[in-house]
């Protein structure tokens, strides 16, 4: 799998991995349908950063979850 390519499949994979790493309780906020594929590069950058880090502090985790709100589709 080449995550450098923007695709729905890659977006789904990245969001699933972020859900696990960030211990997201409300998994509804991580549904791929809620994210615009045009924002894939932004999401991928966050994914790369989060995966490169070891354990995240609670405040770091919350900051990343808050940041994901900015790349969600406007509803």
PDB file of N, CA and C in Angstrom:
ATOM      1  N   UNK A   1       0.850  -1.178   0.000  1.00  0.00           N
ATOM      2  CA  UNK A   1       0.000   0.000   0.000  1.00  0.00           C
ATOM      3  C   UNK A   1       0.894   1.239   0.000  1.00  0.00           C
ATOM      4  N   UNK A   2       0.655   2.097  -0.947  1.00  0.00           N
ATOM      5  CA  UNK A   2       1.412   3.344  -1.048  1.00  0.00           C
ATOM      6  C   UNK A   2       0.555   4.481  -0.504  1.00  0.00           C
ATOM      7  N   UNK A   3       0.829   4.884   0.710  1.00  0.00           N
ATOM      8  CA  UNK A   3       0.015   5.922   1.342  1.00  0.00           C
ATOM      9  C   UNK A   3       0.276   7.312   0.777  1.00  0.00           C
ATOM     10  N   UNK A   4       1.255   7.438  -0.106  1.00  0.00           N
ATOM     11  CA  UNK A   4       1.503   8.738  -0.722  1.00  0.00           C
ATOM     12  C   UNK A   4       0.461   9.067  -1.783  1.00  0.00           C
ATOM     13  N   UNK A   5      -0.288   8.061  -2.207  1.00  0.00           N
ATOM     14  CA  UNK A   5      -1.337   8.258  -3.204  1.00  0.00           C
ATOM     15  C   UNK A   5      -2.665   8.522  -2.503  1.00  0.00           C
ATOM     16  N   UNK A   6      -3.294   9.617  -2.834  1.00  0.00           N
ATOM     17  CA  UNK A   6      -4.600   9.938  -2.251  1.00  0.00           C
ATOM     18  C   UNK A   6      -5.665   9.027  -2.850  1.00  0.00           C
ATOM     19  N   UNK A   7      -6.283   8.231  -1.997  1.00  0.00           N
ATOM     20  CA  UNK A   7      -7.387   7.379  -2.432  1.00  0.00           C
ATOM     21  C   UNK A   7      -8.309   7.167  -1.240  1.00  0.00           C
ATOM     22  N   UNK A   8      -9.514   6.769  -1.530  1.00  0.00           N
ATOM     23  CA  UNK A   8     -10.483   6.496  -0.469  1.00  0.00           C
ATOM     24  C   UNK A   8      -9.990   5.349   0.420  1.00  0.00           C
ATOM     25  N   UNK A   9      -9.393   4.339  -0.191  1.00  0.00           N
ATOM     26  CA  UNK A   9      -8.874   3.196   0.564  1.00  0.00           C
ATOM     27  C   UNK A   9      -7.765   3.632   1.523  1.00  0.00           C
ATOM     28  N   UNK A  10      -6.849   4.461   1.036  1.00  0.00           N
ATOM     29  CA  UNK A  10      -5.757   4.947   1.886  1.00  0.00           C
ATOM     30  C   UNK A  10      -6.271   5.854   2.991  1.00  0.00           C
ATOM     31  N   UNK A  11      -7.244   6.687   2.665  1.00  0.00           N
ATOM     32  CA  UNK A  11      -7.834   7.566   3.674  1.00  0.00           C
ATOM     33  C   UNK A  11      -8.473   6.732   4.781  1.00  0.00           C
ATOM     34  N   UNK A  12      -9.201   5.705   4.400  1.00  0.00           N
ATOM     35  CA  UNK A  12      -9.835   4.828   5.384  1.00  0.00           C
ATOM     36  C   UNK A  12      -8.772   4.176   6.268  1.00  0.00           C
ATOM     37  N   UNK A  13      -7.702   3.666   5.674  1.00  0.00           N
ATOM     38  CA  UNK A  13      -6.634   3.028   6.431  1.00  0.00           C
ATOM     39  C   UNK A  13      -6.013   4.007   7.428  1.00  0.00           C
ATOM     40  N   UNK A  14      -5.685   5.204   6.950  1.00  0.00           N
ATOM     41  CA  UNK A  14      -5.057   6.207   7.811  1.00  0.00           C
ATOM     42  C   UNK A  14      -5.968   6.564   8.985  1.00  0.00           C
ATOM     43  N   UNK A  15      -7.241   6.776   8.714  1.00  0.00           N
ATOM     44  CA  UNK A  15      -8.167   7.136   9.785  1.00  0.00           C
ATOM     45  C   UNK A  15      -8.345   6.003  10.788  1.00  0.00           C
ATOM     46  N   UNK A  16      -8.340   4.766  10.315  1.00  0.00           N
ATOM     47  CA  UNK A  16      -8.429   3.626  11.236  1.00  0.00           C
ATOM     48  C   UNK A  16      -7.202   3.570  12.140  1.00  0.00           C
ATOM     49  N   UNK A  17      -6.029   3.786  11.572  1.00  0.00           N
ATOM     50  CA  UNK A  17      -4.799   3.760  12.358  1.00  0.00           C
ATOM     51  C   UNK A  17      -4.748   4.924  13.353  1.00  0.00           C
ATOM     52  N   UNK A  18      -5.206   6.095  12.920  1.00  0.00           N
ATOM     53  CA  UNK A  18      -5.248   7.246  13.828  1.00  0.00           C
ATOM     54  C   UNK A  18      -6.227   6.995  14.969  1.00  0.00           C
ATOM     55  N   UNK A  19      -7.337   6.357  14.668  1.00  0.00           N
ATOM     56  CA  UNK A  19      -8.322   6.037  15.698  1.00  0.00           C
ATOM     57  C   UNK A  19      -7.692   5.176  16.785  1.00  0.00           C
ATOM     58  N   UNK A  20      -6.911   4.185  16.371  1.00  0.00           N
ATOM     59  CA  UNK A  20      -6.230   3.306  17.332  1.00  0.00           C
ATOM     60  C   UNK A  20      -5.168   4.070  18.118  1.00  0.00           C
ATOM     61  N   UNK A  21      -4.322   4.791  17.404  1.00  0.00           N
ATOM     62  CA  UNK A  21      -3.192   5.470  18.050  1.00  0.00           C
ATOM     63  C   UNK A  21      -3.663   6.554  19.015  1.00  0.00           C
ATOM     64  N   UNK A  22      -4.726   7.265  18.646  1.00  0.00           N
ATOM     65  CA  UNK A  22      -5.221   8.355  19.472  1.00  0.00           C
ATOM     66  C   UNK A  22      -6.254   7.883  20.503  1.00  0.00           C
ATOM     67  N   UNK A  23      -6.561   6.599  20.477  1.00  0.00           N
ATOM     68  CA  UNK A  23      -7.561   6.036  21.398  1.00  0.00           C
ATOM     69  C   UNK A  23      -8.870   6.815  21.353  1.00  0.00           C
ATOM     70  N   UNK A  24      -9.350   7.053  20.153  1.00  0.00           N
ATOM     71  CA  UNK A  24     -10.584   7.817  19.965  1.00  0.00           C
ATOM     72  C   UNK A  24     -11.768   6.990  20.456  1.00  0.00           C
ATOM     73  N   UNK A  25     -12.519   7.545  21.379  1.00  0.00           N
ATOM     74  CA  UNK A  25     -13.677   6.859  21.943  1.00  0.00           C
ATOM     75  C   UNK A  25     -14.866   6.971  20.991  1.00  0.00           C
ATOM     76  N   UNK A  26     -15.147   8.177  20.531  1.00  0.00           N
ATOM     77  CA  UNK A  26     -16.251   8.415  19.600  1.00  0.00           C
ATOM     78  C   UNK A  26     -15.735   8.196  18.183  1.00  0.00           C
ATOM     79  N   UNK A  27     -15.795   6.965  17.730  1.00  0.00           N
ATOM     80  CA  UNK A  27     -15.230   6.620  16.431  1.00  0.00           C
ATOM     81  C   UNK A  27     -16.001   7.215  15.263  1.00  0.00           C
ATOM     82  N   UNK A  28     -17.170   7.727  15.535  1.00  0.00           N
ATOM     83  CA  UNK A  28     -17.954   8.374  14.477  1.00  0.00           C
ATOM     84  C   UNK A  28     -17.232   9.580  13.891  1.00  0.00           C
ATOM     85  N   UNK A  29     -16.437  10.256  14.703  1.00  0.00           N
ATOM     86  CA  UNK A  29     -15.730  11.431  14.201  1.00  0.00           C
ATOM     87  C   UNK A  29     -14.587  11.053  13.265  1.00  0.00           C
ATOM     88  N   UNK A  30     -14.294   9.756  13.169  1.00  0.00           N
ATOM     89  CA  UNK A  30     -13.207   9.292  12.326  1.00  0.00           C
ATOM     90  C   UNK A  30     -13.707   8.550  11.084  1.00  0.00           C
ATOM     91  N   UNK A  31     -14.982   8.676  10.780  1.00  0.00           N
ATOM     92  CA  UNK A  31     -15.547   8.025   9.606  1.00  0.00           C
ATOM     93  C   UNK A  31     -14.976   8.659   8.334  1.00  0.00           C
ATOM     94  N   UNK A  32     -14.477   7.843   7.397  1.00  0.00           N
ATOM     95  CA  UNK A  32     -13.887   8.385   6.167  1.00  0.00           C
ATOM     96  C   UNK A  32     -14.833   9.284   5.369  1.00  0.00           C
ATOM     97  N   UNK A  33     -16.135   9.014   5.450  1.00  0.00           N
ATOM     98  CA  UNK A  33     -17.117   9.835   4.724  1.00  0.00           C
ATOM     99  C   UNK A  33     -17.146  11.277   5.216  1.00  0.00           C
ATOM    100  N   UNK A  34     -16.643  11.501   6.421  1.00  0.00           N
ATOM    101  CA  UNK A  34     -16.644  12.834   7.013  1.00  0.00           C
ATOM    102  C   UNK A  34     -15.443  13.683   6.582  1.00  0.00           C
ATOM    103  N   UNK A  35     -14.552  13.078   5.789  1.00  0.00           N
ATOM    104  CA  UNK A  35     -13.335  13.773   5.384  1.00  0.00           C
ATOM    105  C   UNK A  35     -13.275  13.906   3.878  1.00  0.00           C
ATOM    106  N   UNK A  36     -12.807  15.050   3.436  1.00  0.00           N
ATOM    107  CA  UNK A  36     -12.695  15.347   2.015  1.00  0.00           C
ATOM    108  C   UNK A  36     -11.363  14.827   1.501  1.00  0.00           C
ATOM    109  N   UNK A  37     -11.409  14.075   0.416  1.00  0.00           N
ATOM    110  CA  UNK A  37     -10.188  13.517  -0.158  1.00  0.00           C
ATOM    111  C   UNK A  37      -9.224  14.634  -0.581  1.00  0.00           C
ATOM    112  N   UNK A  38      -9.752  15.823  -0.826  1.00  0.00           N
ATOM    113  CA  UNK A  38      -8.889  16.966  -1.175  1.00  0.00           C
ATOM    114  C   UNK A  38      -7.978  17.355  -0.014  1.00  0.00           C
ATOM    115  N   UNK A  39      -8.334  16.958   1.196  1.00  0.00           N
ATOM    116  CA  UNK A  39      -7.523  17.248   2.383  1.00  0.00           C
ATOM    117  C   UNK A  39      -6.608  16.077   2.739  1.00  0.00           C
ATOM    118  N   UNK A  40      -6.475  15.124   1.832  1.00  0.00           N
ATOM    119  CA  UNK A  40      -5.702  13.914   2.103  1.00  0.00           C
ATOM    120  C   UNK A  40      -4.273  14.227   2.553  1.00  0.00           C
ATOM    121  N   UNK A  41      -3.618  15.138   1.874  1.00  0.00           N
ATOM    122  CA  UNK A  41      -2.222  15.442   2.226  1.00  0.00           C
ATOM    123  C   UNK A  41      -2.100  15.988   3.649  1.00  0.00           C
ATOM    124  N   UNK A  42      -3.050  16.797   4.069  1.00  0.00           N
ATOM    125  CA  UNK A  42      -3.040  17.311   5.446  1.00  0.00           C
ATOM    126  C   UNK A  42      -3.209  16.168   6.449  1.00  0.00           C
ATOM    127  N   UNK A  43      -4.128  15.264   6.154  1.00  0.00           N
ATOM    128  CA  UNK A  43      -4.369  14.127   7.038  1.00  0.00           C
ATOM    129  C   UNK A  43      -3.151  13.212   7.054  1.00  0.00           C
ATOM    130  N   UNK A  44      -2.567  13.003   5.895  1.00  0.00           N
ATOM    131  CA  UNK A  44      -1.376  12.140   5.797  1.00  0.00           C
ATOM    132  C   UNK A  44      -0.204  12.736   6.583  1.00  0.00           C
ATOM    133  N   UNK A  45      -0.043  14.041   6.551  1.00  0.00           N
ATOM    134  CA  UNK A  45       1.028  14.683   7.321  1.00  0.00           C
ATOM    135  C   UNK A  45       0.822  14.462   8.822  1.00  0.00           C
ATOM    136  N   UNK A  46      -0.417  14.599   9.271  1.00  0.00           N
ATOM    137  CA  UNK A  46      -0.712  14.342  10.687  1.00  0.00           C
ATOM    138  C   UNK A  46      -0.435  12.879  11.027  1.00  0.00           C
ATOM    139  N   UNK A  47      -0.858  11.989  10.147  1.00  0.00           N
ATOM    140  CA  UNK A  47      -0.625  10.562  10.343  1.00  0.00           C
ATOM    141  C   UNK A  47       0.873  10.279  10.479  1.00  0.00           C
ATOM    142  N   UNK A  48       1.671  10.806   9.564  1.00  0.00           N
ATOM    143  CA  UNK A  48       3.123  10.580   9.601  1.00  0.00           C
ATOM    144  C   UNK A  48       3.721  11.080  10.912  1.00  0.00           C
ATOM    145  N   UNK A  49       3.304  12.250  11.334  1.00  0.00           N
ATOM    146  CA  UNK A  49       3.814  12.832  12.568  1.00  0.00           C
ATOM    147  C   UNK A  49       3.418  11.999  13.785  1.00  0.00           C
ATOM    148  N   UNK A  50       2.167  11.613  13.851  1.00  0.00           N
ATOM    149  CA  UNK A  50       1.670  10.830  14.984  1.00  0.00           C
ATOM    150  C   UNK A  50       2.338   9.460  15.031  1.00  0.00           C
ATOM    151  N   UNK A  51       2.479   8.813  13.891  1.00  0.00           N
ATOM    152  CA  UNK A  51       3.075   7.483  13.861  1.00  0.00           C
ATOM    153  C   UNK A  51       4.579   7.522  14.175  1.00  0.00           C
ATOM    154  N   UNK A  52       5.225   8.628  13.865  1.00  0.00           N
ATOM    155  CA  UNK A  52       6.658   8.751  14.136  1.00  0.00           C
ATOM    156  C   UNK A  52       6.938   8.960  15.624  1.00  0.00           C
ATOM    157  N   UNK A  53       5.964   9.490  16.322  1.00  0.00           N
ATOM    158  CA  UNK A  53       6.126   9.757  17.753  1.00  0.00           C
ATOM    159  C   UNK A  53       5.876   8.476  18.538  1.00  0.00           C
ATOM    160  N   UNK A  54       6.427   8.423  19.678  1.00  0.00           N
ATOM    161  CA  UNK A  54       6.151   7.297  20.571  1.00  0.00           C
ATOM    162  C   UNK A  54       4.802   7.503  21.229  1.00  0.00           C
ATOM    163  N   UNK A  55       4.789   7.407  22.498  1.00  0.00           N
ATOM    164  CA  UNK A  55       3.559   7.614  23.261  1.00  0.00           C
ATOM    165  C   UNK A  55       3.197   9.096  23.266  1.00  0.00           C
ATOM    166  N   UNK A  56       1.921   9.366  23.083  1.00  0.00           N
ATOM    167  CA  UNK A  56       1.436  10.748  23.091  1.00  0.00           C
ATOM    168  C   UNK A  56       0.871  11.082  24.466  1.00  0.00           C
ATOM    169  N   UNK A  57       1.100  12.300  24.892  1.00  0.00           N
ATOM    170  CA  UNK A  57       0.498  12.758  26.144  1.00  0.00           C
ATOM    171  C   UNK A  57      -0.991  13.026  25.894  1.00  0.00           C
ATOM    172  N   UNK A  58      -1.784  13.085  26.943  1.00  0.00           N
ATOM    173  CA  UNK A  58      -3.206  13.400  26.756  1.00  0.00           C
ATOM    174  C   UNK A  58      -3.427  14.736  26.051  1.00  0.00           C
ATOM    175  N   UNK A  59      -2.616  15.733  26.359  1.00  0.00           N
ATOM    176  CA  UNK A  59      -2.796  17.040  25.708  1.00  0.00           C
ATOM    177  C   UNK A  59      -2.395  16.979  24.232  1.00  0.00           C
ATOM    178  N   UNK A  60      -1.382  16.196  23.898  1.00  0.00           N
ATOM    179  CA  UNK A  60      -1.003  16.030  22.492  1.00  0.00           C
ATOM    180  C   UNK A  60      -2.097  15.300  21.726  1.00  0.00           C
ATOM    181  N   UNK A  61      -2.645  14.268  22.356  1.00  0.00           N
ATOM    182  CA  UNK A  61      -3.729  13.518  21.733  1.00  0.00           C
ATOM    183  C   UNK A  61      -4.916  14.427  21.449  1.00  0.00           C
ATOM    184  N   UNK A  62      -5.292  15.226  22.417  1.00  0.00           N
ATOM    185  CA  UNK A  62      -6.414  16.141  22.235  1.00  0.00           C
ATOM    186  C   UNK A  62      -6.115  17.172  21.158  1.00  0.00           C
ATOM    187  N   UNK A  63      -4.892  17.642  21.095  1.00  0.00           N
ATOM    188  CA  UNK A  63      -4.503  18.625  20.075  1.00  0.00           C
ATOM    189  C   UNK A  63      -4.638  18.031  18.673  1.00  0.00           C
ATOM    190  N   UNK A  64      -4.229  16.787  18.502  1.00  0.00           N
ATOM    191  CA  UNK A  64      -4.360  16.157  17.190  1.00  0.00           C
ATOM    192  C   UNK A  64      -5.816  15.930  16.826  1.00  0.00           C
ATOM    193  N   UNK A  65      -6.620  15.513  17.795  1.00  0.00           N
ATOM    194  CA  UNK A  65      -8.052  15.324  17.525  1.00  0.00           C
ATOM    195  C   UNK A  65      -8.698  16.656  17.151  1.00  0.00           C
ATOM    196  N   UNK A  66      -8.323  17.716  17.846  1.00  0.00           N
ATOM    197  CA  UNK A  66      -8.840  19.048  17.512  1.00  0.00           C
ATOM    198  C   UNK A  66      -8.410  19.453  16.107  1.00  0.00           C
ATOM    199  N   UNK A  67      -7.183  19.151  15.752  1.00  0.00           N
ATOM    200  CA  UNK A  67      -6.671  19.504  14.428  1.00  0.00           C
ATOM    201  C   UNK A  67      -7.420  18.769  13.318  1.00  0.00           C
ATOM    202  N   UNK A  68      -7.831  17.547  13.597  1.00  0.00           N
ATOM    203  CA  UNK A  68      -8.592  16.793  12.604  1.00  0.00           C
ATOM    204  C   UNK A  68      -9.922  17.464  12.281  1.00  0.00           C
ATOM    205  N   UNK A  69     -10.452  18.238  13.210  1.00  0.00           N
ATOM    206  CA  UNK A  69     -11.716  18.956  12.950  1.00  0.00           C
ATOM    207  C   UNK A  69     -11.578  19.928  11.786  1.00  0.00           C
ATOM    208  N   UNK A  70     -10.385  20.469  11.609  1.00  0.00           N
ATOM    209  CA  UNK A  70     -10.178  21.448  10.544  1.00  0.00           C
ATOM    210  C   UNK A  70     -10.145  20.833   9.153  1.00  0.00           C
ATOM    211  N   UNK A  71      -9.947  19.531   9.081  1.00  0.00           N
ATOM    212  CA  UNK A  71      -9.888  18.886   7.761  1.00  0.00           C
ATOM    213  C   UNK A  71     -11.141  18.060   7.465  1.00  0.00           C
ATOM    214  N   UNK A  72     -12.107  18.105   8.375  1.00  0.00           N
ATOM    215  CA  UNK A  72     -13.372  17.421   8.124  1.00  0.00           C
ATOM    216  C   UNK A  72     -14.186  18.227   7.134  1.00  0.00           C
ATOM    217  N   UNK A  73     -15.096  17.535   6.485  1.00  0.00           N
ATOM    218  CA  UNK A  73     -16.006  18.200   5.552  1.00  0.00           C
ATOM    219  C   UNK A  73     -16.892  19.160   6.333  1.00  0.00           C
ATOM    220  N   UNK A  74     -17.241  20.249   5.692  1.00  0.00           N
ATOM    221  CA  UNK A  74     -18.203  21.173   6.293  1.00  0.00           C
ATOM    222  C   UNK A  74     -19.587  20.562   6.174  1.00  0.00           C
ATOM    223  N   UNK A  75     -20.237  20.459   7.304  1.00  0.00           N
ATOM    224  CA  UNK A  75     -21.595  19.872   7.265  1.00  0.00           C
ATOM    225  C   UNK A  75     -22.603  20.869   7.767  1.00  0.00           C
TER     226      UNK A  75
END
